[in-house]
Amino acid sequence: MYTLKVGSGFDSAHFLKGYEGKCSNIHGHHWSVEVIVGSDTLSDDKQTRGMIVDFSDLKKDLRELTDNLDHSLIIEKGSLKEKTLEALKEENFRIVELDIRPTAENLSRYFYELMSKKGYKVIEATVYETRKNCASYRED
C-alpha cells in the first residue's frame, strides 16, 4: 500500500468537564494534526499520474478543518451553563461546540471522519496536544 502523510496545526483552548485535575480548567494547546491516507494503486489521471492524490489538495482540505478550530474555545455541547455560553458569545469569543468531549483521542477520530467524508481513504489520524503527547485513531 502507498501512503501519504500531511500535517497541520491550530491553537485553541478547551477543558474537560467532569475531569478531576488541572484539565477541568480552561487551558490552551498548540495542537498538531497528522493524517495518513493510502491506496493500493496510483492514479493514472493526466494531472495526478503516479500519485495517490495531489499533496496540495490533501493539505488544503486538512488546513480548512484545522482553520475552523484555530483561536477558538472548543467545548463539548452541554458542558457550560447556558448563561455562561451566552455571555462568552456576547463578548464575541469564538466558541466551537462539538458532540464529543474535546480530548486528543476524540479529536483524532473527529479528523479521521471529516477527512474520510472528503473522499480520502484515511489510514490514521493523529492529534498532538504537545510535541510529545498524542493520540491516534484508525479503523481496522
C-alpha atoms as a PDB file:
ATOM      1  CA  MET A   1       0.000   0.000   0.000  1.00  0.00           C
ATOM      2  CA  TYR A   2       1.117   3.528  -0.796  1.00  0.00           C
ATOM      3  CA  THR A   3       0.637   6.181   1.881  1.00  0.00           C
ATOM      4  CA  LEU A   4       0.876   9.955   2.186  1.00  0.00           C
ATOM      5  CA  LYS A   5       1.116  11.882   5.431  1.00  0.00           C
ATOM      6  CA  VAL A   6       0.294  15.567   5.826  1.00  0.00           C
ATOM      7  CA  GLY A   7       0.152  17.792   8.853  1.00  0.00           C
ATOM      8  CA  SER A   8      -1.445  20.979  10.019  1.00  0.00           C
ATOM      9  CA  GLY A   9      -1.914  22.771  13.305  1.00  0.00           C
ATOM     10  CA  PHE A  10      -4.078  25.156  15.256  1.00  0.00           C
ATOM     11  CA  ASP A  11      -4.146  26.994  18.554  1.00  0.00           C
ATOM     12  CA  SER A  12      -7.189  26.651  20.762  1.00  0.00           C
ATOM     13  CA  ALA A  13      -8.424  26.241  24.291  1.00  0.00           C
ATOM     14  CA  HIS A  14     -10.555  23.544  25.822  1.00  0.00           C
ATOM     15  CA  PHE A  15     -11.464  21.981  29.141  1.00  0.00           C
ATOM     16  CA  LEU A  16     -12.692  18.571  30.221  1.00  0.00           C
ATOM     17  CA  LYS A  17     -15.954  18.746  32.130  1.00  0.00           C
ATOM     18  CA  GLY A  18     -16.139  16.171  34.891  1.00  0.00           C
ATOM     19  CA  TYR A  19     -12.393  15.572  34.927  1.00  0.00           C
ATOM     20  CA  GLU A  20     -10.735  15.676  38.329  1.00  0.00           C
ATOM     21  CA  GLY A  21      -7.493  17.540  37.775  1.00  0.00           C
ATOM     22  CA  LYS A  22      -5.958  20.542  36.055  1.00  0.00           C
ATOM     23  CA  CYS A  23      -7.578  19.783  32.696  1.00  0.00           C
ATOM     24  CA  SER A  24     -11.010  20.602  34.132  1.00  0.00           C
ATOM     25  CA  ASN A  25      -9.980  24.268  33.856  1.00  0.00           C
ATOM     26  CA  ILE A  26      -9.815  26.141  30.551  1.00  0.00           C
ATOM     27  CA  HIS A  27      -6.336  25.836  29.073  1.00  0.00           C
ATOM     28  CA  GLY A  28      -4.790  26.042  25.635  1.00  0.00           C
ATOM     29  CA  HIS A  29      -2.645  23.994  23.308  1.00  0.00           C
ATOM     30  CA  HIS A  30      -0.890  24.306  20.021  1.00  0.00           C
ATOM     31  CA  TRP A  31      -2.466  21.217  18.503  1.00  0.00           C
ATOM     32  CA  SER A  32      -0.771  19.389  15.638  1.00  0.00           C
ATOM     33  CA  VAL A  33      -2.729  17.085  13.370  1.00  0.00           C
ATOM     34  CA  GLU A  34      -1.309  14.423  11.057  1.00  0.00           C
ATOM     35  CA  VAL A  35      -3.403  12.451   8.608  1.00  0.00           C
ATOM     36  CA  ILE A  36      -2.204   9.412   6.682  1.00  0.00           C
ATOM     37  CA  VAL A  37      -4.104   8.410   3.547  1.00  0.00           C
ATOM     38  CA  GLY A  38      -3.426   5.368   1.432  1.00  0.00           C
ATOM     39  CA  SER A  39      -4.150   3.426  -1.698  1.00  0.00           C
ATOM     40  CA  ASP A  40      -3.133   0.110  -3.210  1.00  0.00           C
ATOM     41  CA  THR A  41      -2.879   1.779  -6.610  1.00  0.00           C
ATOM     42  CA  LEU A  42      -1.671   5.073  -8.017  1.00  0.00           C
ATOM     43  CA  SER A  43      -3.676   7.384 -10.236  1.00  0.00           C
ATOM     44  CA  ASP A  44      -3.306   7.219 -13.997  1.00  0.00           C
ATOM     45  CA  ASP A  45      -5.081  10.559 -14.492  1.00  0.00           C
ATOM     46  CA  LYS A  46      -3.011  13.055 -16.506  1.00  0.00           C
ATOM     47  CA  GLN A  47      -2.601  15.555 -13.632  1.00  0.00           C
ATOM     48  CA  THR A  48      -2.111  13.105 -10.763  1.00  0.00           C
ATOM     49  CA  ARG A  49      -0.456  10.231 -12.623  1.00  0.00           C
ATOM     50  CA  GLY A  50       1.795   8.307 -10.260  1.00  0.00           C
ATOM     51  CA  MET A  51       0.157   9.824  -7.139  1.00  0.00           C
ATOM     52  CA  ILE A  52      -2.381   8.701  -4.576  1.00  0.00           C
ATOM     53  CA  VAL A  53      -3.814  12.227  -4.533  1.00  0.00           C
ATOM     54  CA  ASP A  54      -2.346  15.656  -5.087  1.00  0.00           C
ATOM     55  CA  PHE A  55      -0.476  16.744  -1.929  1.00  0.00           C
ATOM     56  CA  SER A  56      -1.832  20.275  -2.484  1.00  0.00           C
ATOM     57  CA  ASP A  57      -5.443  19.109  -2.300  1.00  0.00           C
ATOM     58  CA  LEU A  58      -4.800  16.923   0.737  1.00  0.00           C
ATOM     59  CA  LYS A  59      -3.014  19.725   2.610  1.00  0.00           C
ATOM     60  CA  LYS A  60      -5.701  22.273   1.676  1.00  0.00           C
ATOM     61  CA  ASP A  61      -8.515  20.047   2.909  1.00  0.00           C
ATOM     62  CA  LEU A  62      -6.812  19.349   6.236  1.00  0.00           C
ATOM     63  CA  ARG A  63      -5.922  23.028   6.648  1.00  0.00           C
ATOM     64  CA  GLU A  64      -9.597  24.006   6.171  1.00  0.00           C
ATOM     65  CA  LEU A  65     -10.550  21.712   9.053  1.00  0.00           C
ATOM     66  CA  THR A  66      -7.831  22.947  11.390  1.00  0.00           C
ATOM     67  CA  ASP A  67      -8.507  26.592  10.478  1.00  0.00           C
ATOM     68  CA  ASN A  68     -12.100  26.045  11.631  1.00  0.00           C
ATOM     69  CA  LEU A  69     -10.806  25.344  15.163  1.00  0.00           C
ATOM     70  CA  ASP A  70      -7.985  27.892  15.236  1.00  0.00           C
ATOM     71  CA  HIS A  71      -8.127  30.523  18.002  1.00  0.00           C
ATOM     72  CA  SER A  72     -11.339  29.160  19.466  1.00  0.00           C
ATOM     73  CA  LEU A  73     -12.636  27.621  22.647  1.00  0.00           C
ATOM     74  CA  ILE A  74     -13.590  24.043  21.843  1.00  0.00           C
ATOM     75  CA  ILE A  75     -16.316  22.740  24.112  1.00  0.00           C
ATOM     76  CA  GLU A  76     -18.462  19.667  24.421  1.00  0.00           C
ATOM     77  CA  LYS A  77     -22.125  20.539  23.860  1.00  0.00           C
ATOM     78  CA  GLY A  78     -23.860  20.953  27.189  1.00  0.00           C
ATOM     79  CA  SER A  79     -20.644  21.380  29.163  1.00  0.00           C
ATOM     80  CA  LEU A  80     -21.253  25.044  30.014  1.00  0.00           C
ATOM     81  CA  LYS A  81     -24.236  26.640  31.687  1.00  0.00           C
ATOM     82  CA  GLU A  82     -26.414  28.378  29.119  1.00  0.00           C
ATOM     83  CA  LYS A  83     -25.791  31.770  30.793  1.00  0.00           C
ATOM     84  CA  THR A  84     -22.031  31.236  30.605  1.00  0.00           C
ATOM     85  CA  LEU A  85     -22.194  30.263  26.941  1.00  0.00           C
ATOM     86  CA  GLU A  86     -24.390  33.269  26.140  1.00  0.00           C
ATOM     87  CA  ALA A  87     -22.012  35.630  27.981  1.00  0.00           C
ATOM     88  CA  LEU A  88     -18.989  34.302  26.082  1.00  0.00           C
ATOM     89  CA  LYS A  89     -20.794  34.675  22.773  1.00  0.00           C
ATOM     90  CA  GLU A  90     -21.919  38.214  23.693  1.00  0.00           C
ATOM     91  CA  GLU A  91     -18.234  39.053  24.197  1.00  0.00           C
ATOM     92  CA  ASN A  92     -17.605  37.728  20.647  1.00  0.00           C
ATOM     93  CA  PHE A  93     -15.468  34.822  21.794  1.00  0.00           C
ATOM     94  CA  ARG A  94     -15.223  32.154  19.139  1.00  0.00           C
ATOM     95  CA  ILE A  95     -16.814  29.001  20.534  1.00  0.00           C
ATOM     96  CA  VAL A  96     -16.821  25.669  18.688  1.00  0.00           C
ATOM     97  CA  GLU A  97     -19.321  23.238  20.169  1.00  0.00           C
ATOM     98  CA  LEU A  98     -18.747  19.566  19.399  1.00  0.00           C
ATOM     99  CA  ASP A  99     -20.785  16.474  20.224  1.00  0.00           C
ATOM    100  CA  ILE A 100     -17.636  14.967  21.751  1.00  0.00           C
ATOM    101  CA  ARG A 101     -15.502  15.640  24.806  1.00  0.00           C
ATOM    102  CA  PRO A 102     -12.512  17.530  23.328  1.00  0.00           C
ATOM    103  CA  THR A 103      -9.786  15.031  24.197  1.00  0.00           C
ATOM    104  CA  ALA A 104      -6.894  14.233  21.874  1.00  0.00           C
ATOM    105  CA  GLU A 105      -8.397  10.764  21.379  1.00  0.00           C
ATOM    106  CA  ASN A 106     -11.775  12.111  20.310  1.00  0.00           C
ATOM    107  CA  LEU A 107     -10.242  14.806  18.140  1.00  0.00           C
ATOM    108  CA  SER A 108      -8.158  12.203  16.297  1.00  0.00           C
ATOM    109  CA  ARG A 109     -11.358  10.363  15.382  1.00  0.00           C
ATOM    110  CA  TYR A 110     -13.015  13.708  14.526  1.00  0.00           C
ATOM    111  CA  PHE A 111     -10.310  14.474  11.925  1.00  0.00           C
ATOM    112  CA  TYR A 112     -10.313  10.875  10.669  1.00  0.00           C
ATOM    113  CA  GLU A 113     -14.049  11.018   9.991  1.00  0.00           C
ATOM    114  CA  LEU A 114     -14.060  14.504   8.447  1.00  0.00           C
ATOM    115  CA  MET A 115     -11.197  13.699   6.066  1.00  0.00           C
ATOM    116  CA  SER A 116     -12.924  10.428   5.150  1.00  0.00           C
ATOM    117  CA  LYS A 117     -16.102  12.374   4.323  1.00  0.00           C
ATOM    118  CA  LYS A 118     -13.994  14.479   1.947  1.00  0.00           C
ATOM    119  CA  GLY A 119     -13.347  11.285  -0.022  1.00  0.00           C
ATOM    120  CA  TYR A 120      -9.914  10.267   1.240  1.00  0.00           C
ATOM    121  CA  LYS A 121      -9.055   6.703   2.224  1.00  0.00           C
ATOM    122  CA  VAL A 122      -7.784   7.652   5.672  1.00  0.00           C
ATOM    123  CA  ILE A 123      -5.493   5.124   7.319  1.00  0.00           C
ATOM    124  CA  GLU A 124      -4.834   7.046  10.521  1.00  0.00           C
ATOM    125  CA  ALA A 125      -5.299  10.457  12.097  1.00  0.00           C
ATOM    126  CA  THR A 126      -3.070  11.639  14.948  1.00  0.00           C
ATOM    127  CA  VAL A 127      -3.562  14.661  17.190  1.00  0.00           C
ATOM    128  CA  TYR A 128      -0.724  16.041  19.298  1.00  0.00           C
ATOM    129  CA  GLU A 129      -1.598  18.079  22.406  1.00  0.00           C
ATOM    130  CA  THR A 130       2.090  18.708  22.960  1.00  0.00           C
ATOM    131  CA  ARG A 131       5.222  17.814  20.991  1.00  0.00           C
ATOM    132  CA  LYS A 132       5.497  14.532  22.895  1.00  0.00           C
ATOM    133  CA  ASN A 133       1.882  13.573  23.670  1.00  0.00           C
ATOM    134  CA  CYS A 134      -0.501  12.395  21.024  1.00  0.00           C
ATOM    135  CA  ALA A 135      -3.469  10.156  20.317  1.00  0.00           C
ATOM    136  CA  SER A 136      -4.262   8.331  17.085  1.00  0.00           C
ATOM    137  CA  TYR A 137      -7.359   6.820  15.539  1.00  0.00           C
ATOM    138  CA  ARG A 138      -7.556   4.178  12.852  1.00  0.00           C
ATOM    139  CA  GLU A 139     -10.168   1.668  11.813  1.00  0.00           C
ATOM    140  CA  ASP A 140      -9.146  -1.942  11.345  1.00  0.00           C
END
